[in-house]
Amino acid sequence: MACGGNIIENQQFTDPTTYQFVMRTRFETSQGLAGANKSLNEGLSKFNPSLHIRPTAQKPRALVIVTTESHCLRDLLYLEELGELNVEIPLVISNREDLRSLVESHGIKFLYLPVTADTKPAQEAEILKQIQALSIDFVVLARYMQILSENFCNQMPGKIINIHHSFLPGFKGAKPYHQAHERGVKIIGASAHFVTSDLDEGPIIEQDVAHVTHNATPEELIAIGRDIERRVLAKAVKFYADDKIFIVGKRTVVFSQLTFNLWCPRRELNLRPTAQEAVALSTELRGHIVVITS
């Protein structure tokens, strides 16, 4: 299975529990996208892999959904403008009007879709309509304070990213940081995770924490929490946009660092697994391979 070119990056992992093999390869090829796609599918067909190929110039398109808090949204818009976030954001949807001016100041369309218990099915149907019309690849919940329905979650499995204060598991409901202050916590943090129909139970993508002391007021805890939330969500979005996240069972494999780099003169590129990998792949294993071509 040859497709003449150079491997630029390669990362791979075999889960020791499920024996699921995942691999991400970035390469350049003289065959072009169609030719590489044909070569890879033909060469790897015996493994029945889930194969995704994306040109590096093609940025994933993200729909951001918000309510009133702006810190996560501001960071995403800022990083996207700097070119440090490999995404396109064609639309921001909110159930409140508060962030319209912020969004439109960045030249991005803002869509106000209020929601109640009675209108939730219609509101989510409109969101799905926008996703299809704009060819959205994934959804980012940047402090969206509504629970998505099971139907909506099932429409986009592994394509909805949420951020929340998951390092405060004992403090649910309103004002979690105030509850944490009352209990004198010493660590606060946040997690970015994929959204599933089980509330806050989706595979975790990225996490971070900060140590605090008894001197911190509830307001200071909130400020620290905001900073962690924006950084964690931005990292998760960046990992997703760069095709570095694989869902394996109920957890994720995230290639946040390169396993190895390989650069060599242009020559025949052979992506056949080694004998050891072939043995692992040849039984019940279903391989998931992401290949990015430049």
Foldseek 3Di string as FASTA:
>chain_A
DWFFWWWFFKDWDQDPPPRAIEMETEIAGPLPDVRVVVVVCVVCVLLQAAEAEAALVDFAEEEEEEEADCLQVVLQLVCVVVVNARYHYQEYEYLDDNCCVVQVVSVHHYHHDHDDPVCLVVSLVVVVVVCVVVVHQAYEYLHHPDDHAQVSCVVRPPRYKYKDWVVQVVQDDPLSLQVCLVVFDFKTKMWIFRDHNPPPQAATQFIDMDTDGNPDDSVNSVVVHSVRRNVNSSLSSRQVRVVQWDDDPRYIGGCPDTPDGDGDPTDIDDPDDDPVSCVSSNPPHHYYYYYYYD
